[in-house]
Protein backbone atom coordinates (compact mmCIF):
# COMPACT_ATOMS: atom_id res chain seq x y z
CA UNK A 1 -32.71 21.23 20.22
CA UNK A 2 -36.05 22.59 19.01
CA UNK A 3 -34.22 25.09 16.77
CA UNK A 4 -32.10 22.32 15.26
CA UNK A 5 -35.22 20.26 14.46
CA UNK A 6 -36.79 23.26 12.72
CA UNK A 7 -33.67 23.81 10.65
CA UNK A 8 -33.65 20.15 9.62
CA UNK A 9 -37.34 20.35 8.64
CA UNK A 10 -36.67 23.46 6.56
CA UNK A 11 -33.73 21.75 4.86
CA UNK A 12 -35.83 18.67 4.12
CA UNK A 13 -38.56 20.80 2.52
CA UNK A 14 -35.92 22.50 0.38
CA UNK A 15 -34.44 19.18 -0.73
CA UNK A 16 -37.85 17.67 -1.45
CA UNK A 17 -38.58 20.66 -3.67
CA UNK A 18 -35.14 20.52 -5.35
CA UNK A 19 -34.91 16.76 -5.87
CA UNK A 20 -37.50 16.45 -8.58
CA UNK A 21 -36.66 14.42 -11.64
CA UNK A 22 -37.01 14.77 -15.39
CA UNK A 23 -38.68 11.99 -17.30
CA UNK A 24 -36.22 9.45 -18.71
CA UNK A 25 -36.87 10.81 -22.19
CA UNK A 26 -35.85 14.36 -21.22
CA UNK A 27 -33.01 13.34 -18.91
CA UNK A 28 -29.43 12.21 -19.50
CA UNK A 29 -29.16 9.88 -22.53
CA UNK A 30 -32.83 10.44 -23.47
CA UNK A 31 -33.83 6.90 -22.54
CA UNK A 32 -37.27 5.77 -23.67
CA UNK A 33 -39.84 6.17 -20.88
CA UNK A 34 -41.10 2.62 -21.40
CA UNK A 35 -38.01 1.29 -19.62
CA UNK A 36 -38.34 0.91 -15.88
CA UNK A 37 -35.07 0.70 -13.95
CA UNK A 38 -33.96 0.63 -10.38
CA UNK A 39 -31.92 3.81 -10.53
CA UNK A 40 -28.43 3.83 -9.04
CA UNK A 41 -27.21 7.16 -10.47
CA UNK A 42 -28.47 10.73 -10.17
CA UNK A 43 -27.31 13.35 -12.65
CA UNK A 44 -27.12 16.73 -10.89
CA UNK A 45 -27.13 19.72 -13.29
CA UNK A 46 -25.33 22.51 -11.44
CA UNK A 47 -24.50 25.35 -13.80
CA UNK A 48 -22.69 27.51 -11.27
CA UNK A 49 -20.87 30.47 -12.82
CA UNK A 50 -19.56 32.93 -10.25
CA UNK A 51 -15.76 33.20 -10.54
CA UNK A 52 -14.83 32.48 -14.16
CA UNK A 53 -11.84 34.68 -14.99
CA UNK A 54 -11.48 34.50 -18.80
CA UNK A 55 -14.14 32.99 -21.04
CA UNK A 56 -17.67 32.56 -19.67
CA UNK A 57 -20.60 30.29 -20.41
CA UNK A 58 -20.23 27.44 -17.91
CA UNK A 59 -23.76 28.06 -16.63
CA UNK A 60 -25.00 26.57 -19.90
CA UNK A 61 -22.85 23.45 -19.58
CA UNK A 62 -25.34 21.06 -17.93
CA UNK A 63 -28.18 21.83 -20.33
CA UNK A 64 -26.01 21.30 -23.40
CA UNK A 65 -24.39 18.12 -22.04
CA UNK A 66 -27.79 16.58 -21.38
CA UNK A 67 -29.03 17.67 -24.82
CA UNK A 68 -25.94 16.17 -26.52
CA UNK A 69 -26.25 12.96 -24.49
CA UNK A 70 -29.40 12.12 -26.46
CA UNK A 71 -27.09 11.47 -29.42
CA UNK A 72 -24.71 9.16 -27.52
CA UNK A 73 -24.93 5.53 -28.62
CA UNK A 74 -26.25 3.49 -25.69
CA UNK A 75 -24.30 0.37 -26.68
CA UNK A 76 -20.68 0.34 -25.49
CA UNK A 77 -18.64 -1.73 -27.94
CA UNK A 78 -15.71 -2.02 -25.51
CA UNK A 79 -17.85 -3.50 -22.73
CA UNK A 80 -20.17 -5.27 -25.20
CA UNK A 81 -23.32 -4.11 -23.43
CA UNK A 82 -25.72 -1.23 -22.90
CA UNK A 83 -24.47 -0.03 -19.50
CA UNK A 84 -27.48 2.21 -18.79
CA UNK A 85 -29.70 -0.86 -18.38
CA UNK A 86 -27.62 -2.07 -15.46
CA UNK A 87 -26.91 1.35 -13.98
CA UNK A 88 -30.30 3.09 -14.04
CA UNK A 89 -29.99 6.87 -14.37
CA UNK A 90 -32.20 9.67 -13.07
CA UNK A 91 -31.69 13.35 -13.92
CA UNK A 92 -32.68 16.16 -11.59
CA UNK A 93 -34.91 18.87 -12.99
CA UNK A 94 -33.10 22.22 -13.30
CA UNK A 95 -33.42 24.20 -10.07
CA UNK A 96 -32.42 27.64 -8.83
CA UNK A 97 -28.84 27.84 -7.62
CA UNK A 98 -28.31 30.10 -4.62
CA UNK A 99 -26.80 33.50 -5.36
CA UNK A 100 -23.88 33.62 -2.93
CA UNK A 101 -21.02 31.31 -3.86
CA UNK A 102 -20.59 29.75 -0.41
CA UNK A 103 -24.35 29.20 -0.13
CA UNK A 104 -24.39 27.56 -3.55
CA UNK A 105 -21.59 25.16 -2.55
CA UNK A 106 -23.44 24.26 0.64
CA UNK A 107 -26.57 23.72 -1.44
CA UNK A 108 -24.72 21.25 -3.67
CA UNK A 109 -23.27 19.50 -0.63
CA UNK A 110 -26.76 19.05 0.84
CA UNK A 111 -28.09 17.69 -2.46
CA UNK A 112 -25.31 15.11 -2.69
CA UNK A 113 -25.80 14.17 0.97
CA UNK A 114 -29.45 13.45 0.22
CA UNK A 115 -28.55 11.38 -2.85
CA UNK A 116 -25.99 9.39 -0.87
CA UNK A 117 -28.51 8.78 1.91
CA UNK A 118 -30.63 7.04 -0.73
CA UNK A 119 -27.61 4.88 -1.64
CA UNK A 120 -27.25 6.41 -5.08
CA UNK A 121 -24.26 7.73 -7.03
CA UNK A 122 -24.20 11.47 -7.84
CA UNK A 123 -22.65 12.70 -11.07
CA UNK A 124 -22.58 16.50 -11.04
CA UNK A 125 -22.48 18.43 -14.30
CA UNK A 126 -21.03 21.93 -13.89
CA UNK A 127 -20.64 24.74 -14.01
CA UNK A 128 -17.26 26.04 -13.03
CA UNK A 129 -14.70 23.98 -11.13
CA UNK A 130 -15.44 25.65 -7.80
CA UNK A 131 -18.32 23.15 -7.48
CA UNK A 132 -15.97 20.34 -6.48
CA UNK A 133 -15.32 21.42 -2.88
CA UNK A 134 -19.07 21.51 -2.27
CA UNK A 135 -19.76 18.32 -4.17
CA UNK A 136 -17.11 16.26 -2.37
CA UNK A 137 -17.92 17.45 1.16
CA UNK A 138 -20.37 14.65 2.09
CA UNK A 139 -17.94 12.05 0.73
CA UNK A 140 -15.11 13.43 2.86
CA UNK A 141 -17.41 13.19 5.88
CA UNK A 142 -18.38 9.58 5.15
CA UNK A 143 -14.98 8.04 4.45
CA UNK A 144 -11.89 7.76 6.63
CA UNK A 145 -9.77 8.48 3.56
CA UNK A 146 -10.76 9.66 0.10
CA UNK A 147 -8.66 10.09 -3.04
CA UNK A 148 -9.51 12.81 -5.54
CA UNK A 149 -8.73 11.75 -9.12
CA UNK A 150 -8.27 15.09 -10.84
CA UNK A 151 -8.02 15.83 -14.58
CA UNK A 152 -7.15 19.43 -15.43
CA UNK A 153 -4.83 21.80 -17.25
CA UNK A 154 -4.43 23.80 -14.05
CA UNK A 155 -3.32 22.78 -10.57
CA UNK A 156 -6.06 24.92 -8.94
CA UNK A 157 -3.96 25.15 -5.77
CA UNK A 158 -4.17 28.91 -5.20
CA UNK A 159 -5.22 29.95 -1.72
CA UNK A 160 -7.49 32.50 -3.38
CA UNK A 161 -7.89 34.23 -6.71
CA UNK A 162 -9.12 37.77 -7.32
CA UNK A 163 -10.06 37.93 -3.65
CA UNK A 164 -12.19 34.77 -3.64
CA UNK A 165 -11.00 31.68 -1.72
CA UNK A 166 -13.67 29.50 -3.35
CA UNK A 167 -12.62 30.54 -6.86
CA UNK A 168 -12.43 27.97 -9.64
CA UNK A 169 -8.67 28.61 -9.49
CA UNK A 170 -8.69 27.40 -5.86
CA UNK A 171 -10.89 24.34 -6.38
CA UNK A 172 -8.34 21.68 -5.42
CA UNK A 173 -6.86 23.78 -2.60
CA UNK A 174 -10.32 23.94 -1.01
CA UNK A 175 -10.72 20.18 -1.36
CA UNK A 176 -7.42 19.75 0.47
CA UNK A 177 -8.98 21.60 3.42
CA UNK A 178 -10.43 18.16 4.19
CA UNK A 179 -7.52 16.57 6.05
CA UNK A 180 -8.50 13.02 5.05
CA UNK A 181 -8.25 13.82 1.33
CA UNK A 182 -5.37 13.26 -1.09
CA UNK A 183 -5.16 14.35 -4.73
CA UNK A 184 -3.80 12.64 -7.83
CA UNK A 185 -3.78 15.05 -10.78
CA UNK A 186 -3.38 14.33 -14.50
CA UNK A 187 -2.66 16.75 -17.32
CA UNK A 188 -1.38 19.71 -15.30
CA UNK A 189 0.51 22.22 -17.45
CA UNK A 190 -0.26 25.60 -15.92
CA UNK A 191 0.30 26.81 -12.35
CA UNK A 192 1.64 29.82 -10.50
CA UNK A 193 4.87 30.02 -8.51
CA UNK A 194 2.91 30.01 -5.24
CA UNK A 195 1.09 26.85 -6.33
CA UNK A 196 4.38 25.14 -7.15
CA UNK A 197 5.72 26.04 -3.70
CA UNK A 198 2.58 24.64 -2.06
CA UNK A 199 2.85 21.45 -4.12
CA UNK A 200 6.52 20.98 -3.23
CA UNK A 201 5.66 21.27 0.48
CA UNK A 202 2.71 18.85 0.25
CA UNK A 203 3.89 15.99 -1.94
CA UNK A 204 2.68 13.60 0.74
CA UNK A 205 -0.88 14.58 -0.23
CA UNK A 206 -0.52 15.62 -3.88
CA UNK A 207 0.69 13.47 -6.78
CA UNK A 208 0.94 15.17 -10.18
CA UNK A 209 1.28 13.47 -13.54
CA UNK A 210 2.50 16.45 -15.59
CA UNK A 211 1.21 16.78 -19.14
CA UNK A 212 4.73 17.40 -20.47
CA UNK A 213 5.77 13.96 -19.20
CA UNK A 214 2.78 11.98 -20.48
CA UNK A 215 4.85 9.84 -22.86
CA UNK A 216 6.76 8.57 -19.84
CA UNK A 217 3.91 8.14 -17.34
CA UNK A 218 4.20 4.95 -15.34
CA UNK A 219 0.58 3.94 -14.82
CA UNK A 220 1.67 1.04 -12.65
CA UNK A 221 1.98 3.68 -9.91
CA UNK A 222 -1.82 3.89 -9.93
CA UNK A 223 -2.06 0.55 -8.13
CA UNK A 224 -0.25 1.90 -5.08
CA UNK A 225 -2.13 5.20 -5.16
CA UNK A 226 -5.68 3.87 -5.66
CA UNK A 227 -5.97 0.18 -4.85
CA UNK A 228 -8.96 -0.51 -2.57
CA UNK A 229 -9.42 3.22 -1.91
CA UNK A 230 -12.59 5.34 -2.06
CA UNK A 231 -12.20 7.62 -5.07
CA UNK A 232 -14.04 10.70 -6.29
CA UNK A 233 -13.41 11.86 -9.88
CA UNK A 234 -13.33 15.52 -10.87
CA UNK A 235 -12.80 16.25 -14.55
CA UNK A 236 -12.18 19.82 -15.70
CA UNK A 237 -12.61 19.60 -19.46
CA UNK A 238 -9.67 21.93 -20.06
CA UNK A 239 -7.62 18.88 -19.12
CA UNK A 240 -8.23 17.87 -22.73
CA UNK A 241 -5.99 19.42 -25.35
CA UNK A 242 -7.39 22.68 -26.71
CA UNK A 243 -7.51 21.17 -30.21
CA UNK A 244 -10.33 18.84 -29.17
CA UNK A 245 -11.80 20.98 -26.36
CA UNK A 246 -11.74 24.72 -27.08
CA UNK A 247 -15.19 25.09 -25.47
CA UNK A 248 -13.90 26.02 -22.04
CA UNK A 249 -13.02 29.23 -20.25
CA UNK A 250 -9.25 28.68 -20.06
CA UNK A 251 -8.13 26.28 -22.81
CA UNK A 252 -4.50 25.18 -22.80
CA UNK A 253 -2.33 23.57 -25.50
CA UNK A 254 -0.32 20.46 -24.74
CA UNK A 255 -3.20 18.60 -23.11
CA UNK A 256 -4.73 15.15 -22.99
CA UNK A 257 -6.55 13.21 -25.69
CA UNK A 258 -9.48 10.79 -25.46
CA UNK A 259 -7.36 7.66 -25.82
CA UNK A 260 -4.98 8.88 -23.09
CA UNK A 261 -7.72 9.64 -20.59
CA UNK A 262 -9.83 6.47 -20.82
CA UNK A 263 -7.13 3.95 -19.81
CA UNK A 264 -6.45 5.97 -16.64
CA UNK A 265 -10.12 6.09 -15.63
CA UNK A 266 -10.61 2.42 -16.49
CA UNK A 267 -7.58 1.27 -14.50
CA UNK A 268 -8.60 3.30 -11.44
CA UNK A 269 -12.17 1.99 -11.65
CA UNK A 270 -10.85 -1.59 -11.73
CA UNK A 271 -8.80 -1.28 -8.54
CA UNK A 272 -10.79 1.17 -6.41
CA UNK A 273 -14.30 2.12 -5.34
CA UNK A 274 -15.57 5.11 -7.32
CA UNK A 275 -18.06 6.89 -5.07
CA UNK A 276 -19.01 9.97 -7.09
CA UNK A 277 -17.88 12.37 -9.80
CA UNK A 278 -18.22 15.77 -11.38
CA UNK A 279 -17.43 17.15 -14.83
CA UNK A 280 -16.95 20.88 -15.09
CA UNK A 281 -15.88 23.96 -17.06
CA UNK A 282 -17.66 23.22 -20.35
CA UNK A 283 -18.52 26.58 -21.92
CA UNK A 284 -20.64 25.62 -24.95
CA UNK A 285 -20.02 27.33 -28.29
CA UNK A 286 -23.07 27.87 -30.50
CA UNK A 287 -23.25 25.53 -33.51
CA UNK A 288 -20.24 23.51 -32.32
CA UNK A 289 -22.09 20.66 -30.67
CA UNK A 290 -19.26 18.14 -30.98
CA UNK A 291 -17.61 19.51 -27.83
CA UNK A 292 -20.81 19.04 -25.84
CA UNK A 293 -21.07 15.52 -27.26
CA UNK A 294 -17.51 14.69 -26.17
CA UNK A 295 -18.35 15.65 -22.58
CA UNK A 296 -21.63 13.71 -22.65
CA UNK A 297 -19.81 10.60 -23.88
CA UNK A 298 -17.15 11.10 -21.19
CA UNK A 299 -19.88 11.19 -18.54
CA UNK A 300 -21.42 7.96 -19.85
CA UNK A 301 -18.00 6.31 -20.00
CA UNK A 302 -17.18 7.27 -16.40
CA UNK A 303 -20.47 5.75 -15.27
CA UNK A 304 -19.98 2.63 -17.39
CA UNK A 305 -16.51 1.94 -15.98
CA UNK A 306 -17.52 2.83 -12.41
CA UNK A 307 -20.34 0.27 -12.36
CA UNK A 308 -18.72 -2.38 -14.56
CA UNK A 309 -15.97 -2.81 -11.99
CA UNK A 310 -17.94 -1.77 -8.89
CA UNK A 311 -16.49 -3.18 -5.68
């Protein structure tokens, strides 16, 4: 018992040191410091880059998303309001990510657990997609059932990749290790034979809206899949078509566009309880800031919808 108390004290000291915040002006959206909000959201910059297998650069994603967010218009013409004033957003100061992949994922899990204990909403900015299994862990512990709303070009259902079971190519497979979790994926257009076999055997837990079929998607199915459920959103930016999002390690043609993604997120937010989210796999390209801006605006839109329709 004494040893357990010491471990908890050590963990608390670590979290107290890690959970330090940027000023509003330097944080997400660059809000003027004169505004004083009751914050409901914590932006967690987690530039993990350990298992990328093609293009690199995801470690720089959080910094560039936050920088680009300072150019995002705070007024949302669709919702006819400035959502940030109702949400309240804090941004964690950059901190050292642990070296070993499994330790880093546990670190992220502990950070989100602390944020949730303060009744706040974590939005994690990656980093590679392997972050999701660590990020979602405290949510899976808290809820009897949780649905993972997954946007991606890839199924990420490999048991392991290049000898690593926590690879970005295994991100969703690791999330499915939580037995109370189900996955609904959008935009999938690349997977291995072994992944297809796994999917075919686990259709009771995995629903895929294939990119090739997007003209025929029946979004009415979302009501049955998500209504009154606790939902966590994970958005791999390679879910977007490569023509609008080449700034990622494994871009794929035939993907999703802005006006195809937003109605899905909005509909799910209206009928479910969004509990947290992550956006991952942005690999910034120098002097091409528009891709960073797209991701920053996506993050703001996810937050705006999540709190506009909060249950």
